[in-house]
Amino acid sequence: DGYCTAAGEDTNFVDGVSSTAVRTVGIADLSGTLKDLGGGMQQGVKAAFNAHNVANPNAIQFIHEERDDAYDPARSVTLVKEVTSSQGSSGRFAFAVVGSMGSPTSAAMLPTINERQVPLFGTYSGANHLRQTPPDRMVWNTRASYSLEGEEITRYLLDRPLEAVPPGNIFAFSQSPLTIEPLGRADIAQEVAEWL
């Protein structure tokens, strides 16, 4: 149903927080090409929040709603503006955007997230725009970057016996241009491949 309810829900919310509950929203693909991933992210968030709510009935409860952006960045912007806009004296609808997914959709949401100072937590994306230096204050990411994932896979393959996976047989496919640090393991794989 897209809604994780908390027992005895208080309706007096300010910026998505009341005396008894915190309201979050997940903006993800629930009907498009990546609906299985988007739906899985939302199910995971709801399961975690429900587990907390049941185990801690006297604690602050979590209410999670989901919005379908169909993996369309323009729709993501519309939705993030909707849930973070001022609702008059009650402030914004959601305290945070939690469990979203997608590189192009999260990139589209970032300007609104940063401008309105709304936490963006646990987005499923390895894109660099979620890993600024210094970090964006409102972005809390839990997934490794694409380059770190690629480096770890390359390290695993290079640490095996040479005959198991010859370095010349290691390839990287990337959703976007991939930049690898000069001393990264993938560069070593390239040098070994050229040497062989």
C-alpha atoms as a PDB file:
ATOM      1  CA  ASP A   1       0.000   0.000   0.000  1.00  0.00           C
ATOM      2  CA  GLY A   2       3.052   2.299   0.079  1.00  0.00           C
ATOM      3  CA  TYR A   3       2.511   3.381   3.663  1.00  0.00           C
ATOM      4  CA  CYS A   4       4.206   2.218   6.854  1.00  0.00           C
ATOM      5  CA  THR A   5       1.953   3.265   9.702  1.00  0.00           C
ATOM      6  CA  ALA A   6       2.823   3.860  13.313  1.00  0.00           C
ATOM      7  CA  ALA A   7       0.463   2.940  16.115  1.00  0.00           C
ATOM      8  CA  GLY A   8      -1.274   5.897  17.750  1.00  0.00           C
ATOM      9  CA  GLU A   9      -0.072   8.263  15.037  1.00  0.00           C
ATOM     10  CA  ASP A  10       0.083  11.916  16.076  1.00  0.00           C
ATOM     11  CA  THR A  11      -1.090  14.302  13.356  1.00  0.00           C
ATOM     12  CA  ASN A  12       0.739  17.392  14.665  1.00  0.00           C
ATOM     13  CA  PHE A  13       3.815  17.250  12.436  1.00  0.00           C
ATOM     14  CA  VAL A  14       6.370  20.005  11.932  1.00  0.00           C
ATOM     15  CA  ASP A  15       8.900  19.311   9.175  1.00  0.00           C
ATOM     16  CA  GLY A  16       7.841  15.660   9.178  1.00  0.00           C
ATOM     17  CA  VAL A  17       8.352  15.189  12.936  1.00  0.00           C
ATOM     18  CA  SER A  18       5.773  14.995  15.715  1.00  0.00           C
ATOM     19  CA  SER A  19       6.020  14.137  19.391  1.00  0.00           C
ATOM     20  CA  THR A  20       5.457  10.461  18.555  1.00  0.00           C
ATOM     21  CA  ALA A  21       6.597   9.891  14.965  1.00  0.00           C
ATOM     22  CA  VAL A  22       8.995  10.741  12.152  1.00  0.00           C
ATOM     23  CA  ARG A  23       7.655  10.735   8.589  1.00  0.00           C
ATOM     24  CA  THR A  24       9.956   9.854   5.657  1.00  0.00           C
ATOM     25  CA  VAL A  25       9.365   9.438   1.935  1.00  0.00           C
ATOM     26  CA  GLY A  26      11.093   7.201  -0.583  1.00  0.00           C
ATOM     27  CA  ILE A  27      11.226   8.441  -4.171  1.00  0.00           C
ATOM     28  CA  ALA A  28      11.957   5.508  -6.464  1.00  0.00           C
ATOM     29  CA  ASP A  29      10.980   3.692  -9.642  1.00  0.00           C
ATOM     30  CA  LEU A  30       7.873   1.673  -8.765  1.00  0.00           C
ATOM     31  CA  SER A  31       6.404   1.307 -12.268  1.00  0.00           C
ATOM     32  CA  GLY A  32       9.215   1.686 -14.810  1.00  0.00           C
ATOM     33  CA  THR A  33      12.148  -0.368 -16.055  1.00  0.00           C
ATOM     34  CA  LEU A  34      13.768  -0.607 -12.596  1.00  0.00           C
ATOM     35  CA  LYS A  35      10.568  -1.146 -10.605  1.00  0.00           C
ATOM     36  CA  ASP A  36      11.907  -4.347  -9.009  1.00  0.00           C
ATOM     37  CA  LEU A  37      14.894  -2.477  -7.568  1.00  0.00           C
ATOM     38  CA  GLY A  38      12.810   0.525  -6.529  1.00  0.00           C
ATOM     39  CA  GLY A  39      10.143  -1.662  -4.988  1.00  0.00           C
ATOM     40  CA  GLY A  40      12.781  -3.721  -3.190  1.00  0.00           C
ATOM     41  CA  MET A  41      14.335  -0.592  -1.714  1.00  0.00           C
ATOM     42  CA  GLN A  42      10.964   0.572  -0.418  1.00  0.00           C
ATOM     43  CA  GLN A  43      10.095  -2.859   0.983  1.00  0.00           C
ATOM     44  CA  GLY A  44      13.427  -2.912   2.808  1.00  0.00           C
ATOM     45  CA  VAL A  45      12.887   0.517   4.374  1.00  0.00           C
ATOM     46  CA  LYS A  46       9.332  -0.369   5.413  1.00  0.00           C
ATOM     47  CA  ALA A  47      10.451  -3.710   6.874  1.00  0.00           C
ATOM     48  CA  ALA A  48      13.196  -2.016   8.931  1.00  0.00           C
ATOM     49  CA  PHE A  49      10.862   0.714  10.171  1.00  0.00           C
ATOM     50  CA  ASN A  50       8.086  -1.768  10.982  1.00  0.00           C
ATOM     51  CA  ALA A  51      10.570  -3.914  12.928  1.00  0.00           C
ATOM     52  CA  HIS A  52      11.601  -0.844  14.939  1.00  0.00           C
ATOM     53  CA  ASN A  53       7.976   0.204  15.511  1.00  0.00           C
ATOM     54  CA  VAL A  54       6.937  -3.256  16.753  1.00  0.00           C
ATOM     55  CA  ALA A  55      10.032  -3.790  18.917  1.00  0.00           C
ATOM     56  CA  ASN A  56       9.850  -0.302  20.442  1.00  0.00           C
ATOM     57  CA  PRO A  57       6.167   0.591  20.812  1.00  0.00           C
ATOM     58  CA  ASN A  58       6.866   3.384  23.303  1.00  0.00           C
ATOM     59  CA  ALA A  59       9.658   4.975  21.247  1.00  0.00           C
ATOM     60  CA  ILE A  60       9.358   7.463  18.397  1.00  0.00           C
ATOM     61  CA  GLN A  61       7.716   5.594  15.522  1.00  0.00           C
ATOM     62  CA  PHE A  62       8.613   5.782  11.824  1.00  0.00           C
ATOM     63  CA  ILE A  63       6.066   6.388   9.090  1.00  0.00           C
ATOM     64  CA  HIS A  64       7.323   5.780   5.556  1.00  0.00           C
ATOM     65  CA  GLU A  65       5.516   6.665   2.352  1.00  0.00           C
ATOM     66  CA  GLU A  66       6.692   6.010  -1.167  1.00  0.00           C
ATOM     67  CA  ARG A  67       6.398   8.028  -4.353  1.00  0.00           C
ATOM     68  CA  ASP A  68       6.840   6.637  -7.873  1.00  0.00           C
ATOM     69  CA  ASP A  69       9.193   8.619 -10.103  1.00  0.00           C
ATOM     70  CA  ALA A  70       9.201   5.858 -12.804  1.00  0.00           C
ATOM     71  CA  TYR A  71      12.992   6.469 -13.075  1.00  0.00           C
ATOM     72  CA  ASP A  72      12.301   9.856 -14.647  1.00  0.00           C
ATOM     73  CA  PRO A  73      14.547  12.647 -13.284  1.00  0.00           C
ATOM     74  CA  ALA A  74      11.972  15.347 -14.068  1.00  0.00           C
ATOM     75  CA  ARG A  75       9.379  13.430 -12.049  1.00  0.00           C
ATOM     76  CA  SER A  76      11.938  12.991  -9.227  1.00  0.00           C
ATOM     77  CA  VAL A  77      12.360  16.769  -9.045  1.00  0.00           C
ATOM     78  CA  THR A  78       8.599  17.316  -8.929  1.00  0.00           C
ATOM     79  CA  LEU A  79       8.197  14.757  -6.142  1.00  0.00           C
ATOM     80  CA  VAL A  80      11.112  15.944  -4.009  1.00  0.00           C
ATOM     81  CA  LYS A  81       9.844  19.513  -4.260  1.00  0.00           C
ATOM     82  CA  GLU A  82       6.360  18.311  -3.278  1.00  0.00           C
ATOM     83  CA  VAL A  83       7.450  16.455  -0.131  1.00  0.00           C
ATOM     84  CA  THR A  84       9.943  19.135   0.963  1.00  0.00           C
ATOM     85  CA  SER A  85       7.864  22.236   0.285  1.00  0.00           C
ATOM     86  CA  SER A  86       6.449  24.283   3.136  1.00  0.00           C
ATOM     87  CA  GLN A  87       3.025  23.184   4.342  1.00  0.00           C
ATOM     88  CA  GLY A  88       2.466  26.465   6.200  1.00  0.00           C
ATOM     89  CA  SER A  89       2.949  26.291   9.968  1.00  0.00           C
ATOM     90  CA  SER A  90       3.603  22.531   9.783  1.00  0.00           C
ATOM     91  CA  GLY A  91       6.679  23.039   7.593  1.00  0.00           C
ATOM     92  CA  ARG A  92       7.611  20.364   5.092  1.00  0.00           C
ATOM     93  CA  PHE A  93       5.759  17.047   4.706  1.00  0.00           C
ATOM     94  CA  ALA A  94       8.740  14.687   5.121  1.00  0.00           C
ATOM     95  CA  PHE A  95      11.600  14.859   7.572  1.00  0.00           C
ATOM     96  CA  ALA A  96      13.861  13.002   5.110  1.00  0.00           C
ATOM     97  CA  VAL A  97      13.972  11.244   1.751  1.00  0.00           C
ATOM     98  CA  VAL A  98      14.975   7.640   2.535  1.00  0.00           C
ATOM     99  CA  GLY A  99      15.747   4.607   0.378  1.00  0.00           C
ATOM    100  CA  SER A 100      15.588   6.214  -3.046  1.00  0.00           C
ATOM    101  CA  MET A 101      17.432   4.752  -6.004  1.00  0.00           C
ATOM    102  CA  GLY A 102      19.052   5.771  -9.255  1.00  0.00           C
ATOM    103  CA  SER A 103      21.962   7.918 -10.381  1.00  0.00           C
ATOM    104  CA  PRO A 104      20.115  10.287 -12.750  1.00  0.00           C
ATOM    105  CA  THR A 105      17.171  10.648 -10.390  1.00  0.00           C
ATOM    106  CA  SER A 106      19.304  11.365  -7.313  1.00  0.00           C
ATOM    107  CA  ALA A 107      21.355  13.896  -9.308  1.00  0.00           C
ATOM    108  CA  ALA A 108      18.138  15.657 -10.249  1.00  0.00           C
ATOM    109  CA  MET A 109      16.960  15.750  -6.609  1.00  0.00           C
ATOM    110  CA  LEU A 110      20.231  17.051  -5.097  1.00  0.00           C
ATOM    111  CA  PRO A 111      19.727  20.783  -5.741  1.00  0.00           C
ATOM    112  CA  THR A 112      16.379  20.721  -3.897  1.00  0.00           C
ATOM    113  CA  ILE A 113      17.761  18.504  -1.108  1.00  0.00           C
ATOM    114  CA  ASN A 114      20.675  20.881  -0.513  1.00  0.00           C
ATOM    115  CA  GLU A 115      18.672  24.088  -0.932  1.00  0.00           C
ATOM    116  CA  ARG A 116      15.954  22.978   1.498  1.00  0.00           C
ATOM    117  CA  GLN A 117      18.342  21.196   3.881  1.00  0.00           C
ATOM    118  CA  VAL A 118      16.435  17.886   3.869  1.00  0.00           C
ATOM    119  CA  PRO A 119      18.340  14.672   4.676  1.00  0.00           C
ATOM    120  CA  LEU A 120      18.756  12.260   1.744  1.00  0.00           C
ATOM    121  CA  PHE A 121      19.558   8.902   3.315  1.00  0.00           C
ATOM    122  CA  GLY A 122      20.496   5.513   1.852  1.00  0.00           C
ATOM    123  CA  THR A 123      20.129   6.210  -1.867  1.00  0.00           C
ATOM    124  CA  TYR A 124      20.977   3.136  -3.917  1.00  0.00           C
ATOM    125  CA  SER A 125      23.511   4.618  -6.315  1.00  0.00           C
ATOM    126  CA  GLY A 126      27.268   4.474  -6.677  1.00  0.00           C
ATOM    127  CA  ALA A 127      27.461   7.812  -8.495  1.00  0.00           C
ATOM    128  CA  ASN A 128      30.092  10.385  -7.549  1.00  0.00           C
ATOM    129  CA  HIS A 129      27.561  13.235  -7.219  1.00  0.00           C
ATOM    130  CA  LEU A 130      26.518  11.644  -3.897  1.00  0.00           C
ATOM    131  CA  ARG A 131      30.151  11.727  -2.684  1.00  0.00           C
ATOM    132  CA  GLN A 132      31.266  15.344  -2.849  1.00  0.00           C
ATOM    133  CA  THR A 133      34.445  16.622  -1.196  1.00  0.00           C
ATOM    134  CA  PRO A 134      33.696  18.161   1.195  1.00  0.00           C
ATOM    135  CA  PRO A 135      30.517  16.089   1.560  1.00  0.00           C
ATOM    136  CA  ASP A 136      27.070  17.576   1.135  1.00  0.00           C
ATOM    137  CA  ARG A 137      25.758  17.999   4.687  1.00  0.00           C
ATOM    138  CA  MET A 138      22.370  16.482   3.862  1.00  0.00           C
ATOM    139  CA  VAL A 139      23.557  13.404   1.911  1.00  0.00           C
ATOM    140  CA  TRP A 140      23.996  10.150   3.848  1.00  0.00           C
ATOM    141  CA  ASN A 141      25.035   7.376   1.521  1.00  0.00           C
ATOM    142  CA  THR A 142      25.635   3.749   2.424  1.00  0.00           C
ATOM    143  CA  ARG A 143      26.581   2.175  -0.909  1.00  0.00           C
ATOM    144  CA  ALA A 144      30.163   2.070  -2.178  1.00  0.00           C
ATOM    145  CA  SER A 145      31.011   4.192  -5.216  1.00  0.00           C
ATOM    146  CA  TYR A 146      31.175   2.639  -8.667  1.00  0.00           C
ATOM    147  CA  SER A 147      34.941   3.110  -8.706  1.00  0.00           C
ATOM    148  CA  LEU A 148      35.368   1.447  -5.285  1.00  0.00           C
ATOM    149  CA  GLU A 149      33.182  -1.462  -6.369  1.00  0.00           C
ATOM    150  CA  GLY A 150      35.223  -1.788  -9.564  1.00  0.00           C
ATOM    151  CA  GLU A 151      38.496  -1.577  -7.644  1.00  0.00           C
ATOM    152  CA  GLU A 152      37.408  -4.284  -5.197  1.00  0.00           C
ATOM    153  CA  ILE A 153      36.357  -6.630  -8.021  1.00  0.00           C
ATOM    154  CA  THR A 154      39.661  -5.967  -9.808  1.00  0.00           C
ATOM    155  CA  ARG A 155      41.627  -6.572  -6.589  1.00  0.00           C
ATOM    156  CA  TYR A 156      39.821  -9.890  -6.092  1.00  0.00           C
ATOM    157  CA  LEU A 157      40.607 -10.983  -9.645  1.00  0.00           C
ATOM    158  CA  LEU A 158      44.266  -9.873  -9.479  1.00  0.00           C
ATOM    159  CA  ASP A 159      44.876 -11.597  -6.149  1.00  0.00           C
ATOM    160  CA  ARG A 160      44.048 -14.972  -7.699  1.00  0.00           C
ATOM    161  CA  PRO A 161      46.659 -17.127  -9.429  1.00  0.00           C
ATOM    162  CA  LEU A 162      47.650 -15.571 -12.784  1.00  0.00           C
ATOM    163  CA  GLU A 163      46.396 -18.599 -14.709  1.00  0.00           C
ATOM    164  CA  ALA A 164      42.954 -18.369 -13.035  1.00  0.00           C
ATOM    165  CA  VAL A 165      42.114 -15.005 -14.614  1.00  0.00           C
ATOM    166  CA  PRO A 166      44.773 -13.505 -16.880  1.00  0.00           C
ATOM    167  CA  PRO A 167      44.931  -9.712 -16.372  1.00  0.00           C
ATOM    168  CA  GLY A 168      44.202  -9.205 -20.078  1.00  0.00           C
ATOM    169  CA  ASN A 169      40.806 -10.814 -19.512  1.00  0.00           C
ATOM    170  CA  ILE A 170      39.668  -8.245 -16.950  1.00  0.00           C
ATOM    171  CA  PHE A 171      37.316  -5.631 -18.364  1.00  0.00           C
ATOM    172  CA  ALA A 172      35.237  -2.900 -16.756  1.00  0.00           C
ATOM    173  CA  PHE A 173      31.840  -1.783 -17.967  1.00  0.00           C
ATOM    174  CA  SER A 174      30.550   1.508 -16.648  1.00  0.00           C
ATOM    175  CA  GLN A 175      27.230   3.325 -16.723  1.00  0.00           C
ATOM    176  CA  SER A 176      29.106   6.598 -17.118  1.00  0.00           C
ATOM    177  CA  PRO A 177      32.731   7.597 -17.780  1.00  0.00           C
ATOM    178  CA  LEU A 178      34.927   5.813 -15.247  1.00  0.00           C
ATOM    179  CA  THR A 179      37.855   7.647 -13.709  1.00  0.00           C
ATOM    180  CA  ILE A 180      40.326   5.503 -11.783  1.00  0.00           C
ATOM    181  CA  GLU A 181      42.922   6.958  -9.444  1.00  0.00           C
ATOM    182  CA  PRO A 182      46.467   6.784 -10.889  1.00  0.00           C
ATOM    183  CA  LEU A 183      47.629   4.181  -8.347  1.00  0.00           C
ATOM    184  CA  GLY A 184      44.408   2.135  -8.335  1.00  0.00           C
ATOM    185  CA  ARG A 185      44.480  -1.626  -8.813  1.00  0.00           C
ATOM    186  CA  ALA A 186      42.651  -1.347 -12.141  1.00  0.00           C
ATOM    187  CA  ASP A 187      45.615   0.634 -13.518  1.00  0.00           C
ATOM    188  CA  ILE A 188      47.926  -2.128 -12.359  1.00  0.00           C
ATOM    189  CA  ALA A 189      45.743  -4.636 -14.210  1.00  0.00           C
ATOM    190  CA  GLN A 190      46.033  -2.517 -17.367  1.00  0.00           C
ATOM    191  CA  GLU A 191      49.840  -2.295 -17.030  1.00  0.00           C
ATOM    192  CA  VAL A 192      50.125  -6.055 -16.494  1.00  0.00           C
ATOM    193  CA  ALA A 193      47.871  -6.720 -19.484  1.00  0.00           C
ATOM    194  CA  GLU A 194      50.037  -4.495 -21.692  1.00  0.00           C
ATOM    195  CA  TRP A 195      53.206  -6.133 -20.356  1.00  0.00           C
ATOM    196  CA  LEU A 196      51.907  -9.624 -21.164  1.00  0.00           C
END
